[in-house]
Structure formats: C-alpha cells, structure tokens
Amino acid sequence: FIIPCALGMVLLAQPIVEFVYMRGEFSMDEVLVLAPVFKMYSLGLVSYSVYGLLARVFYSFQNTRTPMLISIMNISIQIGLGLLLANMIGLHGITLAMAIASTIGMITLLSLAIRLFDNFNYQLFFKELGKVVLAAILMGVVVKFGHTMFVGMMSDKIALVVTIAVAAVSYLIALIILKVDV
C-alpha cells in the first residue's frame, strides 16, 4: 500500500499539513512553507521503503558491505543535490534531494539484487507492479477530483478524512478489477 499512500500524500500535502499542524501558533504561512517540504519527502516514500527491504535481502546473504557502500553513495548524492536544489528552489529542495538520492540508491540496490535470484519471475512481478501503479493512478484521480468536491460540501478536516476513505475504497476496487495477484 506504499505506492497509493505516497501518491495520496503528494496530492493532499497541503490539507494533510493543515490537518496535523494548523493549530494555535502554526498559521497558514507555516503551512505554505511545510506543505512543499512534505510533498517532496512523499515523492521518495516508495524508494525509502523498497531500499530498506532490499538492504535486508543483502543482509540475509551476510553481505553488509553492499548496502553500506550504496548508503555512502546516497549520502554523497543527497548532500550535493541538497546544496544545489536548496539554492535553486529553497527548503523543499533538501527533501527533493533526499527523494532523488534514495531513488538512485533503490535502483542501484535493485539492479544488484536481481543478480542474486536466477529463478525469480521478474516478468510477472513487473506486470503485477504495473497493475498496482495503474490502480494507484486511478485512485489519484479520485483523490484529486473528490477532495475538490468534498471541500465545497463540508469542513476541510472532514473533507480530508472522507477523501482518504474514498481513496482507499477506490484503490481496493481498482485492485480487484485489475485482478492484482497479491
């Protein structure tokens, strides 16, 4: 469920930040600063998760060196990109750099992990992954239009909760229709 969660967090970044933080001393000005940071962080959510799983695959083969070297590479990329993007686009450039570095690390670990398993059915895996991504995109359309509609009908906080519930149901229905093999 990490793919639809990441997409939902990207699409609903500002309402989520408002829901969680906008109380008392946290004003709309702070929300407008934090929402893009949250959105950029959310872009890397899938990579952060998959990277952690792939590192454990290497650990299970008693190989701690490969994930460590990839982590060093990630940190280097993150620092370099963080400095560059922060100067170009501001604070959210730092979290975008994290997402990009993590994605590069995940792809690198994945390419190395593929060599460990000769008999894994990658074609079936990527076919099912494609269905999951399609279901998430369909859910994203529901989120985008649903939240806009719900905000006009109810309070912002209730609209967010209703949108998340409707998104979850739409994602599950899409998985069933697409016959995702879980």
C-alpha atoms as a PDB file:
ATOM      1  CA  PHE A   1       0.000   0.000   0.000  1.00  0.00           C
ATOM      2  CA  ILE A   2       3.000   2.296  -0.041  1.00  0.00           C
ATOM      3  CA  ILE A   3       2.526   3.383  -3.666  1.00  0.00           C
ATOM      4  CA  PRO A   4      -1.021   4.724  -3.197  1.00  0.00           C
ATOM      5  CA  CYS A   5      -0.041   6.228   0.167  1.00  0.00           C
ATOM      6  CA  ALA A   6       2.826   8.130  -1.432  1.00  0.00           C
ATOM      7  CA  LEU A   7       0.612   9.375  -4.247  1.00  0.00           C
ATOM      8  CA  GLY A   8      -2.114  10.410  -1.821  1.00  0.00           C
ATOM      9  CA  MET A   9       0.400  12.253   0.352  1.00  0.00           C
ATOM     10  CA  VAL A  10       1.737  14.133  -2.682  1.00  0.00           C
ATOM     11  CA  LEU A  11      -1.747  15.087  -3.878  1.00  0.00           C
ATOM     12  CA  LEU A  12      -3.046  16.001  -0.417  1.00  0.00           C
ATOM     13  CA  ALA A  13       0.129  17.522   1.040  1.00  0.00           C
ATOM     14  CA  GLN A  14      -1.342  20.882   1.988  1.00  0.00           C
ATOM     15  CA  PRO A  15      -4.594  19.557   3.513  1.00  0.00           C
ATOM     16  CA  ILE A  16      -2.627  16.943   5.478  1.00  0.00           C
ATOM     17  CA  VAL A  17      -0.207  19.545   6.835  1.00  0.00           C
ATOM     18  CA  GLU A  18      -3.132  21.816   7.723  1.00  0.00           C
ATOM     19  CA  PHE A  19      -4.916  18.925   9.479  1.00  0.00           C
ATOM     20  CA  VAL A  20      -1.876  17.873  11.505  1.00  0.00           C
ATOM     21  CA  TYR A  21      -0.227  21.200  12.321  1.00  0.00           C
ATOM     22  CA  MET A  22      -2.532  24.182  11.850  1.00  0.00           C
ATOM     23  CA  ARG A  23      -3.499  24.885  15.428  1.00  0.00           C
ATOM     24  CA  GLY A  24      -2.671  27.739  17.726  1.00  0.00           C
ATOM     25  CA  GLU A  25       0.720  29.110  16.766  1.00  0.00           C
ATOM     26  CA  PHE A  26       1.017  27.256  13.438  1.00  0.00           C
ATOM     27  CA  SER A  27      -0.530  29.559  10.826  1.00  0.00           C
ATOM     28  CA  MET A  28      -1.236  29.308   7.100  1.00  0.00           C
ATOM     29  CA  ASP A  29       2.165  30.919   6.437  1.00  0.00           C
ATOM     30  CA  GLU A  30       3.908  27.948   8.076  1.00  0.00           C
ATOM     31  CA  VAL A  31       1.600  25.512   6.265  1.00  0.00           C
ATOM     32  CA  LEU A  32       2.595  27.058   2.946  1.00  0.00           C
ATOM     33  CA  VAL A  33       6.269  26.559   3.839  1.00  0.00           C
ATOM     34  CA  LEU A  34       5.886  22.998   5.149  1.00  0.00           C
ATOM     35  CA  ALA A  35       3.486  21.582   2.524  1.00  0.00           C
ATOM     36  CA  PRO A  36       6.048  21.568  -0.342  1.00  0.00           C
ATOM     37  CA  VAL A  37       8.631  20.020   2.003  1.00  0.00           C
ATOM     38  CA  PHE A  38       6.128  17.289   2.912  1.00  0.00           C
ATOM     39  CA  LYS A  39       5.238  16.784  -0.759  1.00  0.00           C
ATOM     40  CA  MET A  40       8.870  16.376  -1.823  1.00  0.00           C
ATOM     41  CA  TYR A  41       9.513  13.964   1.044  1.00  0.00           C
ATOM     42  CA  SER A  42       6.445  11.956  -0.005  1.00  0.00           C
ATOM     43  CA  LEU A  43       7.860  11.573  -3.516  1.00  0.00           C
ATOM     44  CA  GLY A  44      10.578   9.369  -2.035  1.00  0.00           C
ATOM     45  CA  LEU A  45       8.346   7.262   0.190  1.00  0.00           C
ATOM     46  CA  VAL A  46       8.358   4.253  -2.143  1.00  0.00           C
ATOM     47  CA  SER A  47      12.131   4.463  -2.561  1.00  0.00           C
ATOM     48  CA  TYR A  48      12.746   4.718   1.196  1.00  0.00           C
ATOM     49  CA  SER A  49      10.607   1.631   1.784  1.00  0.00           C
ATOM     50  CA  VAL A  50      11.965  -0.518  -1.041  1.00  0.00           C
ATOM     51  CA  TYR A  51      15.537   0.489  -0.227  1.00  0.00           C
ATOM     52  CA  GLY A  52      15.087  -0.803   3.325  1.00  0.00           C
ATOM     53  CA  LEU A  53      13.694  -4.111   2.080  1.00  0.00           C
ATOM     54  CA  LEU A  54      16.467  -4.547  -0.475  1.00  0.00           C
ATOM     55  CA  ALA A  55      19.139  -3.831   2.137  1.00  0.00           C
ATOM     56  CA  ARG A  56      17.667  -6.657   4.239  1.00  0.00           C
ATOM     57  CA  VAL A  57      17.972  -9.002   1.262  1.00  0.00           C
ATOM     58  CA  PHE A  58      21.705  -8.337   1.207  1.00  0.00           C
ATOM     59  CA  TYR A  59      21.923  -8.710   4.987  1.00  0.00           C
ATOM     60  CA  SER A  60      20.260 -12.134   4.695  1.00  0.00           C
ATOM     61  CA  PHE A  61      23.130 -13.155   2.410  1.00  0.00           C
ATOM     62  CA  GLN A  62      25.592 -11.919   5.069  1.00  0.00           C
ATOM     63  CA  ASN A  63      26.501  -9.013   2.789  1.00  0.00           C
ATOM     64  CA  THR A  64      26.544  -5.799   4.772  1.00  0.00           C
ATOM     65  CA  ARG A  65      29.197  -4.179   2.589  1.00  0.00           C
ATOM     66  CA  THR A  66      26.995  -3.548  -0.470  1.00  0.00           C
ATOM     67  CA  PRO A  67      24.216  -1.661   1.370  1.00  0.00           C
ATOM     68  CA  MET A  68      26.866   0.310   3.268  1.00  0.00           C
ATOM     69  CA  LEU A  69      28.601   1.395   0.059  1.00  0.00           C
ATOM     70  CA  ILE A  70      25.276   2.314  -1.552  1.00  0.00           C
ATOM     71  CA  SER A  71      24.376   4.280   1.591  1.00  0.00           C
ATOM     72  CA  ILE A  72      27.622   6.235   1.333  1.00  0.00           C
ATOM     73  CA  MET A  73      26.793   6.941  -2.309  1.00  0.00           C
ATOM     74  CA  ASN A  74      23.275   8.050  -1.276  1.00  0.00           C
ATOM     75  CA  ILE A  75      24.590  10.394   1.366  1.00  0.00           C
ATOM     76  CA  SER A  76      27.052  11.925  -1.084  1.00  0.00           C
ATOM     77  CA  ILE A  77      24.344  12.442  -3.722  1.00  0.00           C
ATOM     78  CA  GLN A  78      21.967  13.798  -1.104  1.00  0.00           C
ATOM     79  CA  ILE A  79      24.477  16.339   0.177  1.00  0.00           C
ATOM     80  CA  GLY A  80      25.457  17.509  -3.313  1.00  0.00           C
ATOM     81  CA  LEU A  81      21.895  17.675  -4.616  1.00  0.00           C
ATOM     82  CA  GLY A  82      20.662  19.143  -1.344  1.00  0.00           C
ATOM     83  CA  LEU A  83      23.055  22.070  -1.602  1.00  0.00           C
ATOM     84  CA  LEU A  84      22.253  22.599  -5.270  1.00  0.00           C
ATOM     85  CA  LEU A  85      18.464  22.263  -5.010  1.00  0.00           C
ATOM     86  CA  ALA A  86      18.184  24.245  -1.774  1.00  0.00           C
ATOM     87  CA  ASN A  87      19.887  27.149  -3.515  1.00  0.00           C
ATOM     88  CA  MET A  88      17.700  26.751  -6.604  1.00  0.00           C
ATOM     89  CA  ILE A  89      14.236  26.082  -5.173  1.00  0.00           C
ATOM     90  CA  GLY A  90      14.522  26.610  -1.434  1.00  0.00           C
ATOM     91  CA  LEU A  91      13.904  24.451   1.611  1.00  0.00           C
ATOM     92  CA  HIS A  92      11.915  21.769  -0.175  1.00  0.00           C
ATOM     93  CA  GLY A  93      14.954  21.190  -2.403  1.00  0.00           C
ATOM     94  CA  ILE A  94      16.557  19.382   0.529  1.00  0.00           C
ATOM     95  CA  THR A  95      13.740  16.838   0.786  1.00  0.00           C
ATOM     96  CA  LEU A  96      13.622  16.519  -3.007  1.00  0.00           C
ATOM     97  CA  ALA A  97      17.345  15.703  -2.888  1.00  0.00           C
ATOM     98  CA  MET A  98      16.587  13.019  -0.293  1.00  0.00           C
ATOM     99  CA  ALA A  99      13.932  11.514  -2.554  1.00  0.00           C
ATOM    100  CA  ILE A 100      16.174  11.551  -5.632  1.00  0.00           C
ATOM    101  CA  ALA A 101      19.174  10.098  -3.789  1.00  0.00           C
ATOM    102  CA  SER A 102      17.025   7.381  -2.258  1.00  0.00           C
ATOM    103  CA  THR A 103      15.548   6.511  -5.651  1.00  0.00           C
ATOM    104  CA  ILE A 104      19.024   6.230  -7.177  1.00  0.00           C
ATOM    105  CA  GLY A 105      20.091   4.031  -4.253  1.00  0.00           C
ATOM    106  CA  MET A 106      16.987   1.871  -4.563  1.00  0.00           C
ATOM    107  CA  ILE A 107      17.524   1.358  -8.306  1.00  0.00           C
ATOM    108  CA  THR A 108      21.193   0.536  -7.699  1.00  0.00           C
ATOM    109  CA  LEU A 109      20.382  -1.983  -4.963  1.00  0.00           C
ATOM    110  CA  LEU A 110      17.595  -3.481  -7.086  1.00  0.00           C
ATOM    111  CA  SER A 111      19.911  -3.940 -10.058  1.00  0.00           C
ATOM    112  CA  LEU A 112      22.424  -5.687  -7.791  1.00  0.00           C
ATOM    113  CA  ALA A 113      19.758  -7.773  -6.030  1.00  0.00           C
ATOM    114  CA  ILE A 114      18.392  -9.052  -9.342  1.00  0.00           C
ATOM    115  CA  ARG A 115      21.699 -10.876  -9.828  1.00  0.00           C
ATOM    116  CA  LEU A 116      21.099 -12.837  -6.611  1.00  0.00           C
ATOM    117  CA  PHE A 117      17.965 -14.601  -7.854  1.00  0.00           C
ATOM    118  CA  ASP A 118      18.142 -16.510 -11.123  1.00  0.00           C
ATOM    119  CA  ASN A 119      14.748 -18.167 -10.862  1.00  0.00           C
ATOM    120  CA  PHE A 120      12.642 -15.153  -9.820  1.00  0.00           C
ATOM    121  CA  ASN A 121       9.816 -14.384 -12.256  1.00  0.00           C
ATOM    122  CA  TYR A 122      10.585 -10.716 -12.913  1.00  0.00           C
ATOM    123  CA  GLN A 123       8.154 -10.509 -15.818  1.00  0.00           C
ATOM    124  CA  LEU A 124       5.229 -11.478 -13.571  1.00  0.00           C
ATOM    125  CA  PHE A 125       6.481  -9.186 -10.798  1.00  0.00           C
ATOM    126  CA  PHE A 126       6.663  -6.136 -13.060  1.00  0.00           C
ATOM    127  CA  LYS A 127       3.298  -6.989 -14.631  1.00  0.00           C
ATOM    128  CA  GLU A 128       1.668  -7.018 -11.189  1.00  0.00           C
ATOM    129  CA  LEU A 129       3.578  -3.882 -10.177  1.00  0.00           C
ATOM    130  CA  GLY A 130       2.200  -2.164 -13.278  1.00  0.00           C
ATOM    131  CA  LYS A 131      -1.326  -3.065 -12.181  1.00  0.00           C
ATOM    132  CA  VAL A 132      -0.663  -1.664  -8.715  1.00  0.00           C
ATOM    133  CA  VAL A 133       0.655   1.582 -10.225  1.00  0.00           C
ATOM    134  CA  LEU A 134      -2.389   1.811 -12.510  1.00  0.00           C
ATOM    135  CA  ALA A 135      -4.717   1.257  -9.529  1.00  0.00           C
ATOM    136  CA  ALA A 136      -2.840   3.999  -7.636  1.00  0.00           C
ATOM    137  CA  ILE A 137      -3.184   6.393 -10.585  1.00  0.00           C
ATOM    138  CA  LEU A 138      -6.922   5.717 -10.743  1.00  0.00           C
ATOM    139  CA  MET A 139      -7.090   6.363  -7.000  1.00  0.00           C
ATOM    140  CA  GLY A 140      -5.131   9.584  -7.552  1.00  0.00           C
ATOM    141  CA  VAL A 141      -7.765  10.796 -10.000  1.00  0.00           C
ATOM    142  CA  VAL A 142     -10.441  10.062  -7.394  1.00  0.00           C
ATOM    143  CA  VAL A 143      -8.406  11.939  -4.770  1.00  0.00           C
ATOM    144  CA  LYS A 144      -7.866  14.983  -6.963  1.00  0.00           C
ATOM    145  CA  PHE A 145     -11.488  15.389  -8.018  1.00  0.00           C
ATOM    146  CA  GLY A 146     -13.022  14.013  -4.828  1.00  0.00           C
ATOM    147  CA  HIS A 147     -11.202  16.329  -2.456  1.00  0.00           C
ATOM    148  CA  THR A 148     -12.121  19.377  -4.536  1.00  0.00           C
ATOM    149  CA  MET A 149     -15.757  18.307  -4.475  1.00  0.00           C
ATOM    150  CA  PHE A 150     -15.807  17.389  -0.774  1.00  0.00           C
ATOM    151  CA  VAL A 151     -14.221  20.685   0.337  1.00  0.00           C
ATOM    152  CA  GLY A 152     -17.193  22.516  -1.143  1.00  0.00           C
ATOM    153  CA  MET A 153     -19.634  20.317   0.780  1.00  0.00           C
ATOM    154  CA  MET A 154     -18.116  20.037   4.280  1.00  0.00           C
ATOM    155  CA  SER A 155     -15.360  21.351   6.544  1.00  0.00           C
ATOM    156  CA  ASP A 156     -11.774  20.969   5.334  1.00  0.00           C
ATOM    157  CA  LYS A 157     -10.874  18.406   8.007  1.00  0.00           C
ATOM    158  CA  ILE A 158     -13.899  16.203   7.347  1.00  0.00           C
ATOM    159  CA  ALA A 159     -13.314  16.558   3.600  1.00  0.00           C
ATOM    160  CA  LEU A 160      -9.770  15.255   4.058  1.00  0.00           C
ATOM    161  CA  VAL A 161     -10.891  12.244   6.092  1.00  0.00           C
ATOM    162  CA  VAL A 162     -13.696  11.451   3.633  1.00  0.00           C
ATOM    163  CA  THR A 163     -11.290  11.824   0.700  1.00  0.00           C
ATOM    164  CA  ILE A 164      -8.832   9.386   2.272  1.00  0.00           C
ATOM    165  CA  ALA A 165     -11.622   6.867   2.951  1.00  0.00           C
ATOM    166  CA  VAL A 166     -12.996   7.151  -0.587  1.00  0.00           C
ATOM    167  CA  ALA A 167      -9.455   6.887  -1.975  1.00  0.00           C
ATOM    168  CA  ALA A 168      -8.804   3.675  -0.029  1.00  0.00           C
ATOM    169  CA  VAL A 169     -12.034   2.121  -1.256  1.00  0.00           C
ATOM    170  CA  SER A 170     -11.383   3.200  -4.852  1.00  0.00           C
ATOM    171  CA  TYR A 171      -7.870   1.740  -4.697  1.00  0.00           C
ATOM    172  CA  LEU A 172      -9.148  -1.602  -3.385  1.00  0.00           C
ATOM    173  CA  ILE A 173     -11.852  -1.708  -6.060  1.00  0.00           C
ATOM    174  CA  ALA A 174      -9.244  -0.955  -8.749  1.00  0.00           C
ATOM    175  CA  LEU A 175      -7.053  -3.793  -7.409  1.00  0.00           C
ATOM    176  CA  ILE A 176      -9.998  -6.187  -7.639  1.00  0.00           C
ATOM    177  CA  ILE A 177     -10.990  -5.048 -11.137  1.00  0.00           C
ATOM    178  CA  LEU A 178      -7.391  -5.312 -12.358  1.00  0.00           C
ATOM    179  CA  LYS A 179      -7.100  -8.752 -10.693  1.00  0.00           C
ATOM    180  CA  VAL A 180      -3.882  -7.953  -8.904  1.00  0.00           C
ATOM    181  CA  ASP A 181      -2.328 -11.134  -7.580  1.00  0.00           C
ATOM    182  CA  VAL A 182      -1.324 -10.344  -4.002  1.00  0.00           C
END
